Amino acid sequence: MKKKSILSKITGSREVSLLLVLVVLLIVIEILSPTFLAPANIGQIFRNNALTFVMALGMLCVMLTAGIDISITSTLAFAGMTIGLLQKYNVIHNTFLLFVVGTAIGVGCGFLNGIIIAKAKVAPIICTMGFMYVWRGMAYVISNNNWASGADVSGFSDFGKDGSPGPYIILIVVYVLFFIIMKWTRFGRRIYAVGSNAEAARISGINVDRTVISVYTIMGLLAGLAGVLSVSIYASAQPNMQYGKEMDVIAACVIGGVSMSGGRGSVVGTFLGALIIAIIAKALPLVGIDAIAQNLVKGIIILAVVILNVVTQRMMDRQNLLRREM
């Protein structure tokens, strides 16, 4: 049997094929916009899309259990608006405490999702759709549709301002942590087991309900964290922040090879999927695509990347099967 490459051992054949797609995409974009790969541009890609990168990890966990959460940007807005108001009215200015409060709000929101989905057996799409309106509504209610910006969050915004390493440190820490959890811990294996076959997981002794509650709580925590980062990066908090961006998070996971039916996906694939989404968003205006047509072009590119990734993966799976049979 042919030995796997070091890259395949660390990631998997699907991630290798996705990496090839990413390289091709970058080559095409660099030809159309020769300055695209400048270090300043690359830094902006990660900083401006830090929220998608962070929330994609939570969505990975949820989708691995065959779930979905479309309330994430509403949770982000509720948490972000709360910490914005805490600063505006001089309640809390300590950066660490603001992160604690924001993530705690996210944990509470995610936990409620998990409890209702696991215990009341409400379909994830229905439950999270309801909370999508609840948490967004809460953001409007507590703010009275007012913003917290500029001088209101001036000290805290130093953490995420352009040139600060803060957002990059957060990204590195959460991705390394989740890579370890999903690849080498018992909890990570339980998530995959529940998504692959919940009944078989239950028979084998896994507490399925607890696992489901845990993944939605994790999703909430990361959405809350993204809310805090949003206020810091953009130096403002408004109740409509990141409206509709949950689709980018879901698309990042799908592009990264996360199965909608559960049990299949990885941290590396999710990172690559989020990176592709971020690169497309950055590249479209640079190559001269009109703002009106950007969503159309973005959708077409995403579909093409997903299809190419699936076809490439099937070819590699077929080759691996032939090797095992030889």
C-alpha atoms as a PDB file:
ATOM      1  CA  MET A   1       0.000   0.000   0.000  1.00  0.00           C
ATOM      2  CA  LYS A   2       1.270   3.439  -0.960  1.00  0.00           C
ATOM      3  CA  LYS A   3       2.097   5.589   2.056  1.00  0.00           C
ATOM      4  CA  LYS A   4       0.233   8.855   2.569  1.00  0.00           C
ATOM      5  CA  SER A   5       2.101  12.132   2.328  1.00  0.00           C
ATOM      6  CA  ILE A   6       2.833  14.083   5.480  1.00  0.00           C
ATOM      7  CA  LEU A   7       0.199  16.650   4.439  1.00  0.00           C
ATOM      8  CA  SER A   8      -2.435  13.952   3.976  1.00  0.00           C
ATOM      9  CA  LYS A   9      -1.658  12.496   7.397  1.00  0.00           C
ATOM     10  CA  ILE A  10      -2.113  15.870   9.074  1.00  0.00           C
ATOM     11  CA  THR A  11      -5.261  16.806   7.149  1.00  0.00           C
ATOM     12  CA  GLY A  12      -6.843  14.368   4.730  1.00  0.00           C
ATOM     13  CA  SER A  13      -7.316  13.828   1.001  1.00  0.00           C
ATOM     14  CA  ARG A  14     -10.317  16.192   0.887  1.00  0.00           C
ATOM     15  CA  GLU A  15      -8.280  19.006   2.418  1.00  0.00           C
ATOM     16  CA  VAL A  16      -5.413  18.373   0.003  1.00  0.00           C
ATOM     17  CA  SER A  17      -7.793  18.659  -2.953  1.00  0.00           C
ATOM     18  CA  LEU A  18      -9.275  21.840  -1.474  1.00  0.00           C
ATOM     19  CA  LEU A  19      -5.786  23.275  -1.061  1.00  0.00           C
ATOM     20  CA  LEU A  20      -5.178  22.668  -4.772  1.00  0.00           C
ATOM     21  CA  VAL A  21      -8.403  24.515  -5.580  1.00  0.00           C
ATOM     22  CA  LEU A  22      -7.242  27.409  -3.394  1.00  0.00           C
ATOM     23  CA  VAL A  23      -3.883  27.584  -5.184  1.00  0.00           C
ATOM     24  CA  VAL A  24      -5.590  27.696  -8.592  1.00  0.00           C
ATOM     25  CA  LEU A  25      -7.952  30.421  -7.365  1.00  0.00           C
ATOM     26  CA  LEU A  26      -5.040  32.514  -6.070  1.00  0.00           C
ATOM     27  CA  ILE A  27      -3.146  32.155  -9.349  1.00  0.00           C
ATOM     28  CA  VAL A  28      -6.163  33.345 -11.351  1.00  0.00           C
ATOM     29  CA  ILE A  29      -6.763  36.304  -9.036  1.00  0.00           C
ATOM     30  CA  GLU A  30      -3.070  37.288  -9.036  1.00  0.00           C
ATOM     31  CA  ILE A  31      -3.111  37.328 -12.836  1.00  0.00           C
ATOM     32  CA  LEU A  32      -6.163  39.603 -12.844  1.00  0.00           C
ATOM     33  CA  SER A  33      -4.884  41.770  -9.960  1.00  0.00           C
ATOM     34  CA  PRO A  34      -1.055  41.541  -9.701  1.00  0.00           C
ATOM     35  CA  THR A  35      -0.901  43.257  -6.288  1.00  0.00           C
ATOM     36  CA  PHE A  36      -3.417  40.930  -4.624  1.00  0.00           C
ATOM     37  CA  LEU A  37      -0.845  38.800  -2.764  1.00  0.00           C
ATOM     38  CA  ALA A  38       0.904  41.795  -1.218  1.00  0.00           C
ATOM     39  CA  PRO A  39       1.479  41.239   2.538  1.00  0.00           C
ATOM     40  CA  ALA A  40      -0.773  44.187   3.436  1.00  0.00           C
ATOM     41  CA  ASN A  41      -3.645  42.654   1.464  1.00  0.00           C
ATOM     42  CA  ILE A  42      -3.188  39.237   3.076  1.00  0.00           C
ATOM     43  CA  GLY A  43      -3.261  40.800   6.535  1.00  0.00           C
ATOM     44  CA  GLN A  44      -6.469  42.654   5.697  1.00  0.00           C
ATOM     45  CA  ILE A  45      -8.087  39.438   4.459  1.00  0.00           C
ATOM     46  CA  PHE A  46      -7.647  37.791   7.860  1.00  0.00           C
ATOM     47  CA  ARG A  47      -8.485  40.888   9.910  1.00  0.00           C
ATOM     48  CA  ASN A  48     -11.617  41.844   7.977  1.00  0.00           C
ATOM     49  CA  ASN A  49     -12.923  38.273   7.984  1.00  0.00           C
ATOM     50  CA  ALA A  50     -11.886  37.288  11.510  1.00  0.00           C
ATOM     51  CA  LEU A  51     -15.545  36.965  12.531  1.00  0.00           C
ATOM     52  CA  THR A  52     -16.268  34.429   9.779  1.00  0.00           C
ATOM     53  CA  PHE A  53     -13.129  32.449  10.626  1.00  0.00           C
ATOM     54  CA  VAL A  54     -14.069  32.278  14.317  1.00  0.00           C
ATOM     55  CA  MET A  55     -17.742  31.397  13.846  1.00  0.00           C
ATOM     56  CA  ALA A  56     -16.953  28.788  11.187  1.00  0.00           C
ATOM     57  CA  LEU A  57     -15.355  26.621  13.883  1.00  0.00           C
ATOM     58  CA  GLY A  58     -18.563  26.624  15.901  1.00  0.00           C
ATOM     59  CA  MET A  59     -20.606  25.871  12.789  1.00  0.00           C
ATOM     60  CA  LEU A  60     -18.252  22.969  12.056  1.00  0.00           C
ATOM     61  CA  CYS A  61     -19.093  21.413  15.442  1.00  0.00           C
ATOM     62  CA  VAL A  62     -22.828  21.960  14.933  1.00  0.00           C
ATOM     63  CA  MET A  63     -22.879  20.596  11.383  1.00  0.00           C
ATOM     64  CA  LEU A  64     -20.848  17.542  12.401  1.00  0.00           C
ATOM     65  CA  THR A  65     -23.862  16.553  14.538  1.00  0.00           C
ATOM     66  CA  ALA A  66     -26.136  17.061  11.495  1.00  0.00           C
ATOM     67  CA  GLY A  67     -27.358  20.379  12.900  1.00  0.00           C
ATOM     68  CA  ILE A  68     -27.408  23.992  11.768  1.00  0.00           C
ATOM     69  CA  ASP A  69     -27.458  27.357  13.527  1.00  0.00           C
ATOM     70  CA  ILE A  70     -28.710  30.415  11.637  1.00  0.00           C
ATOM     71  CA  SER A  71     -28.964  32.561  14.766  1.00  0.00           C
ATOM     72  CA  ILE A  72     -25.213  33.149  15.045  1.00  0.00           C
ATOM     73  CA  THR A  73     -25.026  36.701  13.693  1.00  0.00           C
ATOM     74  CA  SER A  74     -27.988  37.680  15.882  1.00  0.00           C
ATOM     75  CA  THR A  75     -26.111  36.292  18.890  1.00  0.00           C
ATOM     76  CA  LEU A  76     -23.079  38.261  17.704  1.00  0.00           C
ATOM     77  CA  ALA A  77     -25.164  41.441  17.509  1.00  0.00           C
ATOM     78  CA  PHE A  78     -26.697  40.930  20.970  1.00  0.00           C
ATOM     79  CA  ALA A  79     -23.299  40.289  22.579  1.00  0.00           C
ATOM     80  CA  GLY A  80     -21.562  43.060  20.646  1.00  0.00           C
ATOM     81  CA  MET A  81     -24.296  45.609  21.343  1.00  0.00           C
ATOM     82  CA  THR A  82     -24.198  44.757  25.036  1.00  0.00           C
ATOM     83  CA  ILE A  83     -20.470  45.361  25.427  1.00  0.00           C
ATOM     84  CA  GLY A  84     -20.725  48.489  23.289  1.00  0.00           C
ATOM     85  CA  LEU A  85     -23.328  49.911  25.668  1.00  0.00           C
ATOM     86  CA  LEU A  86     -21.299  48.853  28.719  1.00  0.00           C
ATOM     87  CA  GLN A  87     -18.482  51.025  27.406  1.00  0.00           C
ATOM     88  CA  LYS A  88     -20.714  53.874  26.271  1.00  0.00           C
ATOM     89  CA  TYR A  89     -22.234  54.235  29.738  1.00  0.00           C
ATOM     90  CA  ASN A  90     -18.894  53.740  31.548  1.00  0.00           C
ATOM     91  CA  VAL A  91     -19.839  50.436  33.202  1.00  0.00           C
ATOM     92  CA  ILE A  92     -16.873  48.338  31.999  1.00  0.00           C
ATOM     93  CA  HIS A  93     -13.766  49.391  30.081  1.00  0.00           C
ATOM     94  CA  ASN A  94     -11.408  46.532  30.935  1.00  0.00           C
ATOM     95  CA  THR A  95     -10.674  44.554  27.760  1.00  0.00           C
ATOM     96  CA  PHE A  96     -10.516  41.173  29.489  1.00  0.00           C
ATOM     97  CA  LEU A  97     -13.841  41.717  31.277  1.00  0.00           C
ATOM     98  CA  LEU A  98     -15.500  42.810  28.038  1.00  0.00           C
ATOM     99  CA  PHE A  99     -14.385  39.572  26.389  1.00  0.00           C
ATOM    100  CA  VAL A 100     -15.730  37.617  29.374  1.00  0.00           C
ATOM    101  CA  VAL A 101     -19.124  39.342  29.263  1.00  0.00           C
ATOM    102  CA  GLY A 102     -19.465  39.015  25.487  1.00  0.00           C
ATOM    103  CA  THR A 103     -18.582  35.332  25.408  1.00  0.00           C
ATOM    104  CA  ALA A 104     -20.785  34.637  28.458  1.00  0.00           C
ATOM    105  CA  ILE A 105     -23.775  36.109  26.611  1.00  0.00           C
ATOM    106  CA  GLY A 106     -22.944  33.918  23.631  1.00  0.00           C
ATOM    107  CA  VAL A 107     -22.700  30.838  25.852  1.00  0.00           C
ATOM    108  CA  GLY A 108     -26.159  31.550  27.282  1.00  0.00           C
ATOM    109  CA  CYS A 109     -27.676  31.976  23.819  1.00  0.00           C
ATOM    110  CA  GLY A 110     -26.055  28.800  22.492  1.00  0.00           C
ATOM    111  CA  PHE A 111     -27.013  26.803  25.571  1.00  0.00           C
ATOM    112  CA  LEU A 112     -30.689  27.715  25.104  1.00  0.00           C
ATOM    113  CA  ASN A 113     -30.506  26.570  21.485  1.00  0.00           C
ATOM    114  CA  GLY A 114     -28.926  23.287  22.553  1.00  0.00           C
ATOM    115  CA  ILE A 115     -31.417  22.579  25.349  1.00  0.00           C
ATOM    116  CA  ILE A 116     -34.446  23.118  23.103  1.00  0.00           C
ATOM    117  CA  ILE A 117     -32.979  21.101  20.218  1.00  0.00           C
ATOM    118  CA  ALA A 118     -31.741  18.218  22.394  1.00  0.00           C
ATOM    119  CA  LYS A 119     -34.514  17.974  24.976  1.00  0.00           C
ATOM    120  CA  ALA A 120     -37.620  19.298  23.196  1.00  0.00           C
ATOM    121  CA  LYS A 121     -36.499  17.697  19.902  1.00  0.00           C
ATOM    122  CA  VAL A 122     -37.202  20.860  17.917  1.00  0.00           C
ATOM    123  CA  ALA A 123     -35.582  20.830  14.479  1.00  0.00           C
ATOM    124  CA  PRO A 124     -32.344  22.897  14.557  1.00  0.00           C
ATOM    125  CA  ILE A 125     -33.386  25.086  11.614  1.00  0.00           C
ATOM    126  CA  ILE A 126     -36.693  25.980  13.314  1.00  0.00           C
ATOM    127  CA  CYS A 127     -35.208  26.592  16.762  1.00  0.00           C
ATOM    128  CA  THR A 128     -32.346  28.740  15.548  1.00  0.00           C
ATOM    129  CA  MET A 129     -34.619  30.633  13.156  1.00  0.00           C
ATOM    130  CA  GLY A 130     -36.739  31.657  16.146  1.00  0.00           C
ATOM    131  CA  PHE A 131     -33.715  32.748  18.144  1.00  0.00           C
ATOM    132  CA  MET A 132     -32.366  34.576  15.101  1.00  0.00           C
ATOM    133  CA  TYR A 133     -35.253  37.021  15.546  1.00  0.00           C
ATOM    134  CA  VAL A 134     -35.140  36.949  19.365  1.00  0.00           C
ATOM    135  CA  TRP A 135     -31.462  37.883  19.750  1.00  0.00           C
ATOM    136  CA  ARG A 136     -31.521  40.435  16.940  1.00  0.00           C
ATOM    137  CA  GLY A 137     -34.627  41.936  18.537  1.00  0.00           C
ATOM    138  CA  MET A 138     -32.851  42.052  21.892  1.00  0.00           C
ATOM    139  CA  ALA A 139     -29.992  43.977  20.280  1.00  0.00           C
ATOM    140  CA  TYR A 140     -32.473  46.587  19.039  1.00  0.00           C
ATOM    141  CA  VAL A 141     -34.352  46.737  22.354  1.00  0.00           C
ATOM    142  CA  ILE A 142     -31.333  47.256  24.626  1.00  0.00           C
ATOM    143  CA  SER A 143     -29.846  49.849  22.282  1.00  0.00           C
ATOM    144  CA  ASN A 144     -33.107  51.622  21.446  1.00  0.00           C
ATOM    145  CA  ASN A 145     -31.698  51.518  17.907  1.00  0.00           C
ATOM    146  CA  ASN A 146     -28.755  53.715  18.928  1.00  0.00           C
ATOM    147  CA  TRP A 147     -25.107  53.103  18.083  1.00  0.00           C
ATOM    148  CA  ALA A 148     -22.080  52.941  20.328  1.00  0.00           C
ATOM    149  CA  SER A 149     -19.128  54.144  18.299  1.00  0.00           C
ATOM    150  CA  GLY A 150     -16.112  56.389  18.077  1.00  0.00           C
ATOM    151  CA  ALA A 151     -15.155  57.719  21.478  1.00  0.00           C
ATOM    152  CA  ASP A 152     -17.562  55.271  23.181  1.00  0.00           C
ATOM    153  CA  VAL A 153     -15.245  52.322  22.462  1.00  0.00           C
ATOM    154  CA  SER A 154     -11.999  54.146  21.721  1.00  0.00           C
ATOM    155  CA  GLY A 155      -9.863  52.330  24.304  1.00  0.00           C
ATOM    156  CA  PHE A 156     -11.247  48.873  23.589  1.00  0.00           C
ATOM    157  CA  SER A 157     -10.941  49.345  19.830  1.00  0.00           C
ATOM    158  CA  ASP A 158      -7.154  49.502  20.225  1.00  0.00           C
ATOM    159  CA  PHE A 159      -7.233  45.701  20.583  1.00  0.00           C
ATOM    160  CA  GLY A 160      -8.597  45.207  17.076  1.00  0.00           C
ATOM    161  CA  LYS A 161      -7.393  48.307  15.254  1.00  0.00           C
ATOM    162  CA  ASP A 162      -5.505  48.025  11.987  1.00  0.00           C
ATOM    163  CA  GLY A 163      -1.943  46.981  12.762  1.00  0.00           C
ATOM    164  CA  SER A 164      -2.752  45.412  16.128  1.00  0.00           C
ATOM    165  CA  PRO A 165      -1.909  41.693  16.504  1.00  0.00           C
ATOM    166  CA  GLY A 166      -5.017  41.107  18.664  1.00  0.00           C
ATOM    167  CA  PRO A 167      -7.367  39.569  16.057  1.00  0.00           C
ATOM    168  CA  TYR A 168      -4.574  37.417  14.607  1.00  0.00           C
ATOM    169  CA  ILE A 169      -3.674  36.057  18.036  1.00  0.00           C
ATOM    170  CA  ILE A 170      -7.325  35.149  18.654  1.00  0.00           C
ATOM    171  CA  LEU A 171      -7.508  33.324  15.308  1.00  0.00           C
ATOM    172  CA  ILE A 172      -4.322  31.347  15.898  1.00  0.00           C
ATOM    173  CA  VAL A 173      -5.317  30.341  19.430  1.00  0.00           C
ATOM    174  CA  VAL A 174      -8.848  29.180  18.569  1.00  0.00           C
ATOM    175  CA  TYR A 175      -7.781  27.234  15.477  1.00  0.00           C
ATOM    176  CA  VAL A 176      -4.914  25.453  17.224  1.00  0.00           C
ATOM    177  CA  LEU A 177      -7.181  24.671  20.180  1.00  0.00           C
ATOM    178  CA  PHE A 178      -9.989  23.297  18.014  1.00  0.00           C
ATOM    179  CA  PHE A 179      -7.568  21.310  15.850  1.00  0.00           C
ATOM    180  CA  ILE A 180      -6.331  19.535  18.977  1.00  0.00           C
ATOM    181  CA  ILE A 181      -9.846  19.024  20.358  1.00  0.00           C
ATOM    182  CA  MET A 182     -11.351  17.649  17.168  1.00  0.00           C
ATOM    183  CA  LYS A 183      -8.416  15.447  16.213  1.00  0.00           C
ATOM    184  CA  TRP A 184      -7.118  14.045  19.480  1.00  0.00           C
ATOM    185  CA  THR A 185      -9.709  14.272  22.250  1.00  0.00           C
ATOM    186  CA  ARG A 186     -12.560  12.028  23.334  1.00  0.00           C
ATOM    187  CA  PHE A 187     -15.006  14.920  23.068  1.00  0.00           C
ATOM    188  CA  GLY A 188     -14.048  15.473  19.428  1.00  0.00           C
ATOM    189  CA  ARG A 189     -14.587  11.794  18.647  1.00  0.00           C
ATOM    190  CA  ARG A 190     -18.006  11.952  20.315  1.00  0.00           C
ATOM    191  CA  ILE A 191     -19.064  14.807  18.065  1.00  0.00           C
ATOM    192  CA  TYR A 192     -18.135  12.811  14.970  1.00  0.00           C
ATOM    193  CA  ALA A 193     -19.853   9.711  16.354  1.00  0.00           C
ATOM    194  CA  VAL A 194     -23.125  11.530  17.060  1.00  0.00           C
ATOM    195  CA  GLY A 195     -23.166  12.993  13.552  1.00  0.00           C
ATOM    196  CA  SER A 196     -22.322   9.695  11.876  1.00  0.00           C
ATOM    197  CA  ASN A 197     -25.021   7.691  13.675  1.00  0.00           C
ATOM    198  CA  ALA A 198     -26.719   9.120  16.740  1.00  0.00           C
ATOM    199  CA  GLU A 199     -28.433   5.870  17.698  1.00  0.00           C
ATOM    200  CA  ALA A 200     -25.232   3.849  17.434  1.00  0.00           C
ATOM    201  CA  ALA A 201     -23.452   6.522  19.494  1.00  0.00           C
ATOM    202  CA  ARG A 202     -26.158   6.273  22.168  1.00  0.00           C
ATOM    203  CA  ILE A 203     -25.870   2.476  22.287  1.00  0.00           C
ATOM    204  CA  SER A 204     -22.103   2.752  22.661  1.00  0.00           C
ATOM    205  CA  GLY A 205     -22.574   4.864  25.791  1.00  0.00           C
ATOM    206  CA  ILE A 206     -22.275   8.404  24.435  1.00  0.00           C
ATOM    207  CA  ASN A 207     -24.656  10.943  25.957  1.00  0.00           C
ATOM    208  CA  VAL A 208     -26.059  12.286  22.693  1.00  0.00           C
ATOM    209  CA  ASP A 209     -28.159  15.063  24.240  1.00  0.00           C
ATOM    210  CA  ARG A 210     -25.215  16.362  26.236  1.00  0.00           C
ATOM    211  CA  THR A 211     -23.042  16.366  23.124  1.00  0.00           C
ATOM    212  CA  VAL A 212     -25.663  18.268  21.119  1.00  0.00           C
ATOM    213  CA  ILE A 213     -26.092  20.836  23.899  1.00  0.00           C
ATOM    214  CA  SER A 214     -22.307  21.204  24.075  1.00  0.00           C
ATOM    215  CA  VAL A 215     -21.838  21.949  20.369  1.00  0.00           C
ATOM    216  CA  TYR A 216     -24.546  24.627  20.330  1.00  0.00           C
ATOM    217  CA  THR A 217     -23.048  26.136  23.474  1.00  0.00           C
ATOM    218  CA  ILE A 218     -19.655  26.213  21.742  1.00  0.00           C
ATOM    219  CA  MET A 219     -21.281  27.839  18.736  1.00  0.00           C
ATOM    220  CA  GLY A 220     -22.791  30.480  20.993  1.00  0.00           C
ATOM    221  CA  LEU A 221     -19.479  31.086  22.744  1.00  0.00           C
ATOM    222  CA  LEU A 222     -17.709  31.696  19.434  1.00  0.00           C
ATOM    223  CA  ALA A 223     -20.541  33.916  18.174  1.00  0.00           C
ATOM    224  CA  GLY A 224     -20.236  35.953  21.368  1.00  0.00           C
ATOM    225  CA  LEU A 225     -16.476  36.127  20.887  1.00  0.00           C
ATOM    226  CA  ALA A 226     -17.058  37.313  17.306  1.00  0.00           C
ATOM    227  CA  GLY A 227     -19.379  40.010  18.651  1.00  0.00           C
ATOM    228  CA  VAL A 228     -16.642  41.308  20.928  1.00  0.00           C
ATOM    229  CA  LEU A 229     -14.129  41.203  18.070  1.00  0.00           C
ATOM    230  CA  SER A 230     -16.553  43.042  15.784  1.00  0.00           C
ATOM    231  CA  VAL A 231     -16.830  45.974  18.191  1.00  0.00           C
ATOM    232  CA  SER A 232     -13.064  46.073  18.623  1.00  0.00           C
ATOM    233  CA  ILE A 233     -12.194  45.764  14.920  1.00  0.00           C
ATOM    234  CA  TYR A 234     -14.809  48.166  13.557  1.00  0.00           C
ATOM    235  CA  ALA A 235     -14.825  50.498  16.598  1.00  0.00           C
ATOM    236  CA  SER A 236     -18.614  50.499  16.728  1.00  0.00           C
ATOM    237  CA  ALA A 237     -21.605  48.522  17.951  1.00  0.00           C
ATOM    238  CA  GLN A 238     -24.949  48.631  16.174  1.00  0.00           C
ATOM    239  CA  PRO A 239     -27.918  46.261  16.348  1.00  0.00           C
ATOM    240  CA  ASN A 240     -27.754  45.370  12.646  1.00  0.00           C
ATOM    241  CA  MET A 241     -24.084  44.344  12.715  1.00  0.00           C
ATOM    242  CA  GLN A 242     -23.146  41.394  10.463  1.00  0.00           C
ATOM    243  CA  TYR A 243     -26.760  41.045   9.288  1.00  0.00           C
ATOM    244  CA  GLY A 244     -27.050  38.112   6.847  1.00  0.00           C
ATOM    245  CA  LYS A 245     -23.421  37.045   7.245  1.00  0.00           C
ATOM    246  CA  GLU A 246     -24.411  33.650   8.717  1.00  0.00           C
ATOM    247  CA  MET A 247     -24.602  32.440   5.111  1.00  0.00           C
ATOM    248  CA  ASP A 248     -20.888  33.139   4.658  1.00  0.00           C
ATOM    249  CA  VAL A 249     -20.137  31.020   7.733  1.00  0.00           C
ATOM    250  CA  ILE A 250     -22.256  28.123   6.483  1.00  0.00           C
ATOM    251  CA  ALA A 251     -20.754  28.444   2.992  1.00  0.00           C
ATOM    252  CA  ALA A 252     -17.231  28.349   4.468  1.00  0.00           C
ATOM    253  CA  CYS A 253     -18.024  25.021   6.132  1.00  0.00           C
ATOM    254  CA  VAL A 254     -19.672  23.549   3.033  1.00  0.00           C
ATOM    255  CA  ILE A 255     -16.775  24.626   0.817  1.00  0.00           C
ATOM    256  CA  GLY A 256     -14.424  23.140   3.407  1.00  0.00           C
ATOM    257  CA  GLY A 257     -16.040  19.727   3.007  1.00  0.00           C
ATOM    258  CA  VAL A 258     -18.297  19.645   6.075  1.00  0.00           C
ATOM    259  CA  SER A 259     -21.223  17.314   5.387  1.00  0.00           C
ATOM    260  CA  MET A 260     -24.725  18.709   5.955  1.00  0.00           C
ATOM    261  CA  SER A 261     -25.799  15.222   7.043  1.00  0.00           C
ATOM    262  CA  GLY A 262     -23.167  15.137   9.793  1.00  0.00           C
ATOM    263  CA  GLY A 263     -20.086  13.113  10.674  1.00  0.00           C
ATOM    264  CA  ARG A 264     -17.679  14.507   8.101  1.00  0.00           C
ATOM    265  CA  GLY A 265     -15.555  17.643   8.183  1.00  0.00           C
ATOM    266  CA  SER A 266     -12.373  19.019   9.705  1.00  0.00           C
ATOM    267  CA  VAL A 267     -10.813  22.125  11.218  1.00  0.00           C
ATOM    268  CA  VAL A 268      -8.296  22.395   8.368  1.00  0.00           C
ATOM    269  CA  GLY A 269     -11.014  22.106   5.731  1.00  0.00           C
ATOM    270  CA  THR A 270     -13.111  24.716   7.549  1.00  0.00           C
ATOM    271  CA  PHE A 271     -10.148  27.092   7.672  1.00  0.00           C
ATOM    272  CA  LEU A 272      -9.547  26.661   3.939  1.00  0.00           C
ATOM    273  CA  GLY A 273     -13.245  27.165   3.203  1.00  0.00           C
ATOM    274  CA  ALA A 274     -13.337  30.376   5.257  1.00  0.00           C
ATOM    275  CA  LEU A 275     -10.147  31.532   3.539  1.00  0.00           C
ATOM    276  CA  ILE A 276     -11.694  30.990   0.103  1.00  0.00           C
ATOM    277  CA  ILE A 277     -14.769  33.005   1.130  1.00  0.00           C
ATOM    278  CA  ALA A 278     -12.506  35.790   2.428  1.00  0.00           C
ATOM    279  CA  ILE A 279     -10.348  35.811  -0.703  1.00  0.00           C
ATOM    280  CA  ILE A 280     -13.380  36.018  -2.986  1.00  0.00           C
ATOM    281  CA  ALA A 281     -14.819  38.934  -0.980  1.00  0.00           C
ATOM    282  CA  LYS A 282     -11.492  40.791  -1.186  1.00  0.00           C
ATOM    283  CA  ALA A 283     -10.779  39.990  -4.825  1.00  0.00           C
ATOM    284  CA  LEU A 284     -14.072  40.912  -6.494  1.00  0.00           C
ATOM    285  CA  PRO A 285     -13.774  44.698  -6.136  1.00  0.00           C
ATOM    286  CA  LEU A 286     -10.046  44.580  -6.937  1.00  0.00           C
ATOM    287  CA  VAL A 287     -10.633  42.874 -10.298  1.00  0.00           C
ATOM    288  CA  GLY A 288     -13.284  45.415 -11.236  1.00  0.00           C
ATOM    289  CA  ILE A 289     -16.521  43.557 -10.514  1.00  0.00           C
ATOM    290  CA  ASP A 290     -19.369  46.031 -10.063  1.00  0.00           C
ATOM    291  CA  ALA A 291     -20.834  46.161  -6.535  1.00  0.00           C
ATOM    292  CA  ILE A 292     -24.289  45.255  -7.874  1.00  0.00           C
ATOM    293  CA  ALA A 293     -22.973  42.086  -9.515  1.00  0.00           C
ATOM    294  CA  GLN A 294     -20.649  40.967  -6.710  1.00  0.00           C
ATOM    295  CA  ASN A 295     -23.162  38.673  -4.978  1.00  0.00           C
ATOM    296  CA  LEU A 296     -23.975  37.013  -8.300  1.00  0.00           C
ATOM    297  CA  VAL A 297     -20.318  36.399  -9.123  1.00  0.00           C
ATOM    298  CA  LYS A 298     -19.586  35.321  -5.541  1.00  0.00           C
ATOM    299  CA  GLY A 299     -22.374  32.732  -5.674  1.00  0.00           C
ATOM    300  CA  ILE A 300     -21.186  31.350  -8.990  1.00  0.00           C
ATOM    301  CA  ILE A 301     -17.588  31.046  -7.746  1.00  0.00           C
ATOM    302  CA  ILE A 302     -18.686  29.337  -4.527  1.00  0.00           C
ATOM    303  CA  LEU A 303     -20.778  26.803  -6.473  1.00  0.00           C
ATOM    304  CA  ALA A 304     -17.891  26.169  -8.872  1.00  0.00           C
ATOM    305  CA  VAL A 305     -15.429  25.643  -5.995  1.00  0.00           C
ATOM    306  CA  VAL A 306     -17.803  23.258  -4.191  1.00  0.00           C
ATOM    307  CA  ILE A 307     -18.444  21.231  -7.340  1.00  0.00           C
ATOM    308  CA  LEU A 308     -14.737  21.110  -8.219  1.00  0.00           C
ATOM    309  CA  ASN A 309     -13.889  20.077  -4.670  1.00  0.00           C
ATOM    310  CA  VAL A 310     -16.487  17.296  -4.685  1.00  0.00           C
ATOM    311  CA  VAL A 311     -15.382  15.987  -8.100  1.00  0.00           C
ATOM    312  CA  THR A 312     -11.708  16.065  -7.093  1.00  0.00           C
ATOM    313  CA  GLN A 313     -12.484  14.284  -3.826  1.00  0.00           C
ATOM    314  CA  ARG A 314     -14.450  11.545  -5.600  1.00  0.00           C
ATOM    315  CA  MET A 315     -11.557  10.980  -7.989  1.00  0.00           C
ATOM    316  CA  MET A 316      -9.132  10.695  -5.082  1.00  0.00           C
ATOM    317  CA  ASP A 317     -11.485   8.356  -3.201  1.00  0.00           C
ATOM    318  CA  ARG A 318     -11.713   6.152  -6.295  1.00  0.00           C
ATOM    319  CA  GLN A 319      -7.941   6.041  -6.616  1.00  0.00           C
ATOM    320  CA  ASN A 320      -7.559   5.135  -2.938  1.00  0.00           C
ATOM    321  CA  LEU A 321     -10.113   2.348  -3.331  1.00  0.00           C
ATOM    322  CA  LEU A 322      -8.245   0.942  -6.330  1.00  0.00           C
ATOM    323  CA  ARG A 323      -4.973   0.993  -4.387  1.00  0.00           C
ATOM    324  CA  ARG A 324      -6.551  -0.946  -1.501  1.00  0.00           C
ATOM    325  CA  GLU A 325      -7.913  -3.545  -3.908  1.00  0.00           C
ATOM    326  CA  MET A 326      -4.539  -4.097  -5.560  1.00  0.00           C
END
